[in-house]
Amino acid sequence: MSLNQLVVWIIVGGIAGILADAVVKGVRLGLVGSVVVGMLGALVGGWLFGQLKISVGSGLVSDIVVSFVGAVVLLFLFRVVRR
């Protein structure tokens, strides 16, 4: 993985994590936590979309959409487990 890919992954994860944090109420992780959740959400979203055979295209926007969906799933699971 090159430095450019790592920076893009962090930016996409940050955007997706912040959006997911705004959508899922009851979980406040802060900026660093949102970036981490967004990055993990990219993995979960990529796996989930692959299992469901859903394609949202290619490019930065589709990466953010997939990461966002994965991050929302992670935050819902986190909220359920934390209760």
PDB file of N, CA and C in Angstrom:
ATOM      1  N   MET A   1       0.848  -1.169   0.000  1.00  0.00           N
ATOM      2  CA  MET A   1       0.000   0.000   0.000  1.00  0.00           C
ATOM      3  C   MET A   1       0.896   1.235   0.000  1.00  0.00           C
ATOM      4  N   SER A   2       0.629   2.120  -0.923  1.00  0.00           N
ATOM      5  CA  SER A   2       1.431   3.332  -1.015  1.00  0.00           C
ATOM      6  C   SER A   2       0.896   4.393  -0.052  1.00  0.00           C
ATOM      7  N   LEU A   3       1.662   5.437   0.120  1.00  0.00           N
ATOM      8  CA  LEU A   3       1.269   6.526   1.011  1.00  0.00           C
ATOM      9  C   LEU A   3       0.003   7.207   0.491  1.00  0.00           C
ATOM     10  N   ASN A   4      -0.100   7.361  -0.830  1.00  0.00           N
ATOM     11  CA  ASN A   4      -1.299   7.988  -1.408  1.00  0.00           C
ATOM     12  C   ASN A   4      -2.550   7.168  -1.110  1.00  0.00           C
ATOM     13  N   GLN A   5      -2.459   5.856  -1.245  1.00  0.00           N
ATOM     14  CA  GLN A   5      -3.607   4.998  -0.951  1.00  0.00           C
ATOM     15  C   GLN A   5      -3.998   5.089   0.516  1.00  0.00           C
ATOM     16  N   LEU A   6      -3.010   5.149   1.383  1.00  0.00           N
ATOM     17  CA  LEU A   6      -3.277   5.255   2.810  1.00  0.00           C
ATOM     18  C   LEU A   6      -3.985   6.567   3.148  1.00  0.00           C
ATOM     19  N   VAL A   7      -3.547   7.650   2.539  1.00  0.00           N
ATOM     20  CA  VAL A   7      -4.169   8.957   2.788  1.00  0.00           C
ATOM     21  C   VAL A   7      -5.614   8.957   2.283  1.00  0.00           C
ATOM     22  N   VAL A   8      -5.843   8.402   1.107  1.00  0.00           N
ATOM     23  CA  VAL A   8      -7.207   8.337   0.565  1.00  0.00           C
ATOM     24  C   VAL A   8      -8.081   7.474   1.460  1.00  0.00           C
ATOM     25  N   TRP A   9      -7.541   6.354   1.952  1.00  0.00           N
ATOM     26  CA  TRP A   9      -8.295   5.464   2.826  1.00  0.00           C
ATOM     27  C   TRP A   9      -8.679   6.181   4.121  1.00  0.00           C
ATOM     28  N   ILE A  10      -7.773   6.974   4.669  1.00  0.00           N
ATOM     29  CA  ILE A  10      -8.056   7.733   5.890  1.00  0.00           C
ATOM     30  C   ILE A  10      -9.106   8.809   5.619  1.00  0.00           C
ATOM     31  N   ILE A  11      -9.006   9.494   4.494  1.00  0.00           N
ATOM     32  CA  ILE A  11      -9.975  10.540   4.158  1.00  0.00           C
ATOM     33  C   ILE A  11     -11.363   9.942   3.938  1.00  0.00           C
ATOM     34  N   VAL A  12     -11.433   8.860   3.160  1.00  0.00           N
ATOM     35  CA  VAL A  12     -12.724   8.200   2.915  1.00  0.00           C
ATOM     36  C   VAL A  12     -13.299   7.683   4.228  1.00  0.00           C
ATOM     37  N   GLY A  13     -12.469   7.066   5.058  1.00  0.00           N
ATOM     38  CA  GLY A  13     -12.920   6.583   6.350  1.00  0.00           C
ATOM     39  C   GLY A  13     -13.401   7.703   7.240  1.00  0.00           C
ATOM     40  N   GLY A  14     -12.713   8.821   7.209  1.00  0.00           N
ATOM     41  CA  GLY A  14     -13.130   9.970   8.014  1.00  0.00           C
ATOM     42  C   GLY A  14     -14.474  10.515   7.591  1.00  0.00           C
ATOM     43  N   ILE A  15     -14.663  10.680   6.291  1.00  0.00           N
ATOM     44  CA  ILE A  15     -15.941  11.189   5.787  1.00  0.00           C
ATOM     45  C   ILE A  15     -17.066  10.219   6.127  1.00  0.00           C
ATOM     46  N   ALA A  16     -16.848   8.937   5.859  1.00  0.00           N
ATOM     47  CA  ALA A  16     -17.880   7.933   6.121  1.00  0.00           C
ATOM     48  C   ALA A  16     -18.174   7.828   7.619  1.00  0.00           C
ATOM     49  N   GLY A  17     -17.140   7.860   8.437  1.00  0.00           N
ATOM     50  CA  GLY A  17     -17.330   7.766   9.882  1.00  0.00           C
ATOM     51  C   GLY A  17     -18.070   8.946  10.461  1.00  0.00           C
ATOM     52  N   ILE A  18     -17.750  10.129  10.004  1.00  0.00           N
ATOM     53  CA  ILE A  18     -18.430  11.330  10.494  1.00  0.00           C
ATOM     54  C   ILE A  18     -19.896  11.328  10.066  1.00  0.00           C
ATOM     55  N   LEU A  19     -20.165  10.926   8.819  1.00  0.00           N
ATOM     56  CA  LEU A  19     -21.550  10.840   8.358  1.00  0.00           C
ATOM     57  C   LEU A  19     -22.327   9.781   9.141  1.00  0.00           C
ATOM     58  N   ALA A  20     -21.715   8.630   9.363  1.00  0.00           N
ATOM     59  CA  ALA A  20     -22.377   7.562  10.113  1.00  0.00           C
ATOM     60  C   ALA A  20     -22.615   7.981  11.554  1.00  0.00           C
ATOM     61  N   ASP A  21     -21.666   8.701  12.144  1.00  0.00           N
ATOM     62  CA  ASP A  21     -21.818   9.179  13.518  1.00  0.00           C
ATOM     63  C   ASP A  21     -22.984  10.166  13.624  1.00  0.00           C
ATOM     64  N   ALA A  22     -23.214  10.941  12.552  1.00  0.00           N
ATOM     65  CA  ALA A  22     -24.327  11.888  12.541  1.00  0.00           C
ATOM     66  C   ALA A  22     -25.662  11.173  12.370  1.00  0.00           C
ATOM     67  N   VAL A  23     -25.671  10.040  11.669  1.00  0.00           N
ATOM     68  CA  VAL A  23     -26.916   9.312  11.407  1.00  0.00           C
ATOM     69  C   VAL A  23     -27.321   8.446  12.598  1.00  0.00           C
ATOM     70  N   VAL A  24     -26.363   7.735  13.177  1.00  0.00           N
ATOM     71  CA  VAL A  24     -26.655   6.824  14.285  1.00  0.00           C
ATOM     72  C   VAL A  24     -26.565   7.617  15.588  1.00  0.00           C
ATOM     73  N   LYS A  25     -27.692   7.813  16.210  1.00  0.00           N
ATOM     74  CA  LYS A  25     -27.734   8.576  17.458  1.00  0.00           C
ATOM     75  C   LYS A  25     -27.380   7.684  18.637  1.00  0.00           C
ATOM     76  N   GLY A  26     -26.805   8.266  19.658  1.00  0.00           N
ATOM     77  CA  GLY A  26     -26.489   7.523  20.869  1.00  0.00           C
ATOM     78  C   GLY A  26     -25.074   7.018  20.941  1.00  0.00           C
ATOM     79  N   VAL A  27     -24.297   7.207  19.880  1.00  0.00           N
ATOM     80  CA  VAL A  27     -22.898   6.772  19.881  1.00  0.00           C
ATOM     81  C   VAL A  27     -22.063   7.981  19.481  1.00  0.00           C
ATOM     82  N   ARG A  28     -21.238   8.454  20.372  1.00  0.00           N
ATOM     83  CA  ARG A  28     -20.342   9.571  20.087  1.00  0.00           C
ATOM     84  C   ARG A  28     -18.916   9.093  20.288  1.00  0.00           C
ATOM     85  N   LEU A  29     -18.134   9.047  19.217  1.00  0.00           N
ATOM     86  CA  LEU A  29     -16.783   8.508  19.287  1.00  0.00           C
ATOM     87  C   LEU A  29     -15.694   9.562  19.130  1.00  0.00           C
ATOM     88  N   GLY A  30     -16.037  10.750  18.718  1.00  0.00           N
ATOM     89  CA  GLY A  30     -15.036  11.760  18.467  1.00  0.00           C
ATOM     90  C   GLY A  30     -14.455  11.613  17.069  1.00  0.00           C
ATOM     91  N   LEU A  31     -13.549  12.486  16.712  1.00  0.00           N
ATOM     92  CA  LEU A  31     -12.997  12.516  15.358  1.00  0.00           C
ATOM     93  C   LEU A  31     -12.163  11.275  15.048  1.00  0.00           C
ATOM     94  N   VAL A  32     -11.255  10.930  15.925  1.00  0.00           N
ATOM     95  CA  VAL A  32     -10.393   9.767  15.679  1.00  0.00           C
ATOM     96  C   VAL A  32     -11.219   8.486  15.659  1.00  0.00           C
ATOM     97  N   GLY A  33     -12.160   8.367  16.574  1.00  0.00           N
ATOM     98  CA  GLY A  33     -13.034   7.197  16.602  1.00  0.00           C
ATOM     99  C   GLY A  33     -13.875   7.094  15.341  1.00  0.00           C
ATOM    100  N   SER A  34     -14.349   8.232  14.836  1.00  0.00           N
ATOM    101  CA  SER A  34     -15.129   8.232  13.600  1.00  0.00           C
ATOM    102  C   SER A  34     -14.293   7.791  12.407  1.00  0.00           C
ATOM    103  N   VAL A  35     -13.052   8.227  12.358  1.00  0.00           N
ATOM    104  CA  VAL A  35     -12.171   7.818  11.263  1.00  0.00           C
ATOM    105  C   VAL A  35     -11.919   6.312  11.333  1.00  0.00           C
ATOM    106  N   VAL A  36     -11.675   5.808  12.525  1.00  0.00           N
ATOM    107  CA  VAL A  36     -11.433   4.369  12.689  1.00  0.00           C
ATOM    108  C   VAL A  36     -12.678   3.572  12.310  1.00  0.00           C
ATOM    109  N   VAL A  37     -13.848   4.027  12.759  1.00  0.00           N
ATOM    110  CA  VAL A  37     -15.093   3.345  12.415  1.00  0.00           C
ATOM    111  C   VAL A  37     -15.329   3.401  10.908  1.00  0.00           C
ATOM    112  N   GLY A  38     -15.023   4.512  10.285  1.00  0.00           N
ATOM    113  CA  GLY A  38     -15.168   4.625   8.830  1.00  0.00           C
ATOM    114  C   GLY A  38     -14.236   3.694   8.085  1.00  0.00           C
ATOM    115  N   MET A  39     -13.009   3.563   8.563  1.00  0.00           N
ATOM    116  CA  MET A  39     -12.055   2.658   7.918  1.00  0.00           C
ATOM    117  C   MET A  39     -12.475   1.206   8.105  1.00  0.00           C
ATOM    118  N   LEU A  40     -12.915   0.852   9.300  1.00  0.00           N
ATOM    119  CA  LEU A  40     -13.422  -0.501   9.530  1.00  0.00           C
ATOM    120  C   LEU A  40     -14.730  -0.720   8.764  1.00  0.00           C
ATOM    121  N   GLY A  41     -15.508   0.339   8.652  1.00  0.00           N
ATOM    122  CA  GLY A  41     -16.740   0.267   7.877  1.00  0.00           C
ATOM    123  C   GLY A  41     -16.482  -0.005   6.405  1.00  0.00           C
ATOM    124  N   ALA A  42     -15.366   0.473   5.897  1.00  0.00           N
ATOM    125  CA  ALA A  42     -15.009   0.177   4.510  1.00  0.00           C
ATOM    126  C   ALA A  42     -14.800  -1.319   4.321  1.00  0.00           C
ATOM    127  N   LEU A  43     -14.178  -1.955   5.291  1.00  0.00           N
ATOM    128  CA  LEU A  43     -13.977  -3.402   5.217  1.00  0.00           C
ATOM    129  C   LEU A  43     -15.304  -4.143   5.325  1.00  0.00           C
ATOM    130  N   VAL A  44     -16.120  -3.750   6.303  1.00  0.00           N
ATOM    131  CA  VAL A  44     -17.418  -4.399   6.507  1.00  0.00           C
ATOM    132  C   VAL A  44     -18.333  -4.144   5.306  1.00  0.00           C
ATOM    133  N   GLY A  45     -18.381  -2.914   4.840  1.00  0.00           N
ATOM    134  CA  GLY A  45     -19.224  -2.576   3.695  1.00  0.00           C
ATOM    135  C   GLY A  45     -18.785  -3.287   2.430  1.00  0.00           C
ATOM    136  N   GLY A  46     -17.488  -3.369   2.202  1.00  0.00           N
ATOM    137  CA  GLY A  46     -16.984  -4.094   1.036  1.00  0.00           C
ATOM    138  C   GLY A  46     -17.353  -5.558   1.082  1.00  0.00           C
ATOM    139  N   TRP A  47     -17.218  -6.164   2.268  1.00  0.00           N
ATOM    140  CA  TRP A  47     -17.590  -7.573   2.420  1.00  0.00           C
ATOM    141  C   TRP A  47     -19.097  -7.751   2.238  1.00  0.00           C
ATOM    142  N   LEU A  48     -19.897  -6.870   2.865  1.00  0.00           N
ATOM    143  CA  LEU A  48     -21.343  -6.975   2.814  1.00  0.00           C
ATOM    144  C   LEU A  48     -21.860  -6.798   1.386  1.00  0.00           C
ATOM    145  N   PHE A  49     -21.371  -5.794   0.690  1.00  0.00           N
ATOM    146  CA  PHE A  49     -21.805  -5.553  -0.684  1.00  0.00           C
ATOM    147  C   PHE A  49     -21.378  -6.704  -1.590  1.00  0.00           C
ATOM    148  N   GLY A  50     -20.215  -7.279  -1.325  1.00  0.00           N
ATOM    149  CA  GLY A  50     -19.760  -8.434  -2.095  1.00  0.00           C
ATOM    150  C   GLY A  50     -20.643  -9.650  -1.876  1.00  0.00           C
ATOM    151  N   GLN A  51     -21.038  -9.894  -0.632  1.00  0.00           N
ATOM    152  CA  GLN A  51     -21.903 -11.030  -0.322  1.00  0.00           C
ATOM    153  C   GLN A  51     -23.283 -10.863  -0.936  1.00  0.00           C
ATOM    154  N   LEU A  52     -23.770  -9.638  -0.966  1.00  0.00           N
ATOM    155  CA  LEU A  52     -25.089  -9.364  -1.531  1.00  0.00           C
ATOM    156  C   LEU A  52     -25.039  -9.125  -3.035  1.00  0.00           C
ATOM    157  N   LYS A  53     -23.846  -9.156  -3.606  1.00  0.00           N
ATOM    158  CA  LYS A  53     -23.628  -8.943  -5.044  1.00  0.00           C
ATOM    159  C   LYS A  53     -24.179  -7.593  -5.505  1.00  0.00           C
ATOM    160  N   ILE A  54     -23.920  -6.565  -4.707  1.00  0.00           N
ATOM    161  CA  ILE A  54     -24.349  -5.201  -5.011  1.00  0.00           C
ATOM    162  C   ILE A  54     -23.132  -4.425  -5.499  1.00  0.00           C
ATOM    163  N   SER A  55     -23.303  -3.736  -6.616  1.00  0.00           N
ATOM    164  CA  SER A  55     -22.228  -2.905  -7.148  1.00  0.00           C
ATOM    165  C   SER A  55     -22.719  -1.463  -7.223  1.00  0.00           C
ATOM    166  N   VAL A  56     -21.953  -0.563  -6.636  1.00  0.00           N
ATOM    167  CA  VAL A  56     -22.325   0.851  -6.673  1.00  0.00           C
ATOM    168  C   VAL A  56     -21.411   1.631  -7.603  1.00  0.00           C
ATOM    169  N   GLY A  57     -20.621   0.928  -8.386  1.00  0.00           N
ATOM    170  CA  GLY A  57     -19.734   1.583  -9.329  1.00  0.00           C
ATOM    171  C   GLY A  57     -18.332   1.682  -8.774  1.00  0.00           C
ATOM    172  N   SER A  58     -17.584   2.589  -9.357  1.00  0.00           N
ATOM    173  CA  SER A  58     -16.212   2.780  -8.902  1.00  0.00           C
ATOM    174  C   SER A  58     -15.953   4.265  -8.704  1.00  0.00           C
ATOM    175  N   GLY A  59     -14.930   4.566  -7.982  1.00  0.00           N
ATOM    176  CA  GLY A  59     -14.588   5.950  -7.734  1.00  0.00           C
ATOM    177  C   GLY A  59     -14.709   6.319  -6.276  1.00  0.00           C
ATOM    178  N   LEU A  60     -14.387   7.539  -5.989  1.00  0.00           N
ATOM    179  CA  LEU A  60     -14.354   8.028  -4.613  1.00  0.00           C
ATOM    180  C   LEU A  60     -15.741   8.053  -3.969  1.00  0.00           C
ATOM    181  N   VAL A  61     -16.748   8.482  -4.708  1.00  0.00           N
ATOM    182  CA  VAL A  61     -18.095   8.577  -4.141  1.00  0.00           C
ATOM    183  C   VAL A  61     -18.627   7.191  -3.784  1.00  0.00           C
ATOM    184  N   SER A  62     -18.422   6.216  -4.646  1.00  0.00           N
ATOM    185  CA  SER A  62     -18.894   4.861  -4.336  1.00  0.00           C
ATOM    186  C   SER A  62     -18.124   4.276  -3.158  1.00  0.00           C
ATOM    187  N   ASP A  63     -16.837   4.602  -3.030  1.00  0.00           N
ATOM    188  CA  ASP A  63     -16.072   4.153  -1.863  1.00  0.00           C
ATOM    189  C   ASP A  63     -16.636   4.744  -0.573  1.00  0.00           C
ATOM    190  N   ILE A  64     -17.031   6.006  -0.627  1.00  0.00           N
ATOM    191  CA  ILE A  64     -17.610   6.655   0.551  1.00  0.00           C
ATOM    192  C   ILE A  64     -18.960   6.036   0.886  1.00  0.00           C
ATOM    193  N   VAL A  65     -19.768   5.719  -0.126  1.00  0.00           N
ATOM    194  CA  VAL A  65     -21.075   5.103   0.111  1.00  0.00           C
ATOM    195  C   VAL A  65     -20.920   3.739   0.771  1.00  0.00           C
ATOM    196  N   VAL A  66     -20.030   2.913   0.245  1.00  0.00           N
ATOM    197  CA  VAL A  66     -19.802   1.582   0.804  1.00  0.00           C
ATOM    198  C   VAL A  66     -19.262   1.697   2.231  1.00  0.00           C
ATOM    199  N   SER A  67     -18.315   2.600   2.449  1.00  0.00           N
ATOM    200  CA  SER A  67     -17.758   2.804   3.789  1.00  0.00           C
ATOM    201  C   SER A  67     -18.819   3.309   4.757  1.00  0.00           C
ATOM    202  N   PHE A  68     -19.663   4.206   4.292  1.00  0.00           N
ATOM    203  CA  PHE A  68     -20.734   4.756   5.124  1.00  0.00           C
ATOM    204  C   PHE A  68     -21.695   3.659   5.571  1.00  0.00           C
ATOM    205  N   VAL A  69     -22.116   2.813   4.636  1.00  0.00           N
ATOM    206  CA  VAL A  69     -23.040   1.726   4.978  1.00  0.00           C
ATOM    207  C   VAL A  69     -22.390   0.784   5.994  1.00  0.00           C
ATOM    208  N   GLY A  70     -21.136   0.430   5.767  1.00  0.00           N
ATOM    209  CA  GLY A  70     -20.430  -0.432   6.703  1.00  0.00           C
ATOM    210  C   GLY A  70     -20.262   0.214   8.067  1.00  0.00           C
ATOM    211  N   ALA A  71     -19.983   1.512   8.090  1.00  0.00           N
ATOM    212  CA  ALA A  71     -19.817   2.224   9.360  1.00  0.00           C
ATOM    213  C   ALA A  71     -21.139   2.304  10.124  1.00  0.00           C
ATOM    214  N   VAL A  72     -22.241   2.506   9.408  1.00  0.00           N
ATOM    215  CA  VAL A  72     -23.552   2.525  10.065  1.00  0.00           C
ATOM    216  C   VAL A  72     -23.852   1.169  10.690  1.00  0.00           C
ATOM    217  N   VAL A  73     -23.561   0.099   9.955  1.00  0.00           N
ATOM    218  CA  VAL A  73     -23.764  -1.250  10.494  1.00  0.00           C
ATOM    219  C   VAL A  73     -22.924  -1.442  11.757  1.00  0.00           C
ATOM    220  N   LEU A  74     -21.659  -1.028  11.705  1.00  0.00           N
ATOM    221  CA  LEU A  74     -20.794  -1.168  12.883  1.00  0.00           C
ATOM    222  C   LEU A  74     -21.298  -0.360  14.071  1.00  0.00           C
ATOM    223  N   LEU A  75     -21.757   0.858  13.829  1.00  0.00           N
ATOM    224  CA  LEU A  75     -22.244   1.689  14.928  1.00  0.00           C
ATOM    225  C   LEU A  75     -23.531   1.133  15.527  1.00  0.00           C
ATOM    226  N   PHE A  76     -24.423   0.593  14.688  1.00  0.00           N
ATOM    227  CA  PHE A  76     -25.622  -0.049  15.230  1.00  0.00           C
ATOM    228  C   PHE A  76     -25.246  -1.246  16.089  1.00  0.00           C
ATOM    229  N   LEU A  77     -24.306  -2.063  15.616  1.00  0.00           N
ATOM    230  CA  LEU A  77     -23.860  -3.211  16.408  1.00  0.00           C
ATOM    231  C   LEU A  77     -23.209  -2.751  17.712  1.00  0.00           C
ATOM    232  N   PHE A  78     -22.401  -1.705  17.645  1.00  0.00           N
ATOM    233  CA  PHE A  78     -21.747  -1.168  18.833  1.00  0.00           C
ATOM    234  C   PHE A  78     -22.776  -0.667  19.843  1.00  0.00           C
ATOM    235  N   ARG A  79     -23.813   0.006  19.339  1.00  0.00           N
ATOM    236  CA  ARG A  79     -24.856   0.523  20.214  1.00  0.00           C
ATOM    237  C   ARG A  79     -25.637  -0.604  20.873  1.00  0.00           C
ATOM    238  N   VAL A  80     -25.921  -1.663  20.133  1.00  0.00           N
ATOM    239  CA  VAL A  80     -26.657  -2.809  20.685  1.00  0.00           C
ATOM    240  C   VAL A  80     -25.821  -3.523  21.744  1.00  0.00           C
ATOM    241  N   VAL A  81     -24.543  -3.731  21.466  1.00  0.00           N
ATOM    242  CA  VAL A  81     -23.672  -4.448  22.404  1.00  0.00           C
ATOM    243  C   VAL A  81     -23.430  -3.623  23.661  1.00  0.00           C
ATOM    244  N   ARG A  82     -23.322  -2.320  23.507  1.00  0.00           N
ATOM    245  CA  ARG A  82     -23.029  -1.449  24.639  1.00  0.00           C
ATOM    246  C   ARG A  82     -24.172  -1.361  25.631  1.00  0.00           C
ATOM    247  N   ARG A  83     -25.392  -1.593  25.198  1.00  0.00           N
ATOM    248  CA  ARG A  83     -26.544  -1.547  26.115  1.00  0.00           C
ATOM    249  C   ARG A  83     -26.514  -2.744  26.937  1.00  0.00           C
TER     250      ARG A  83
END
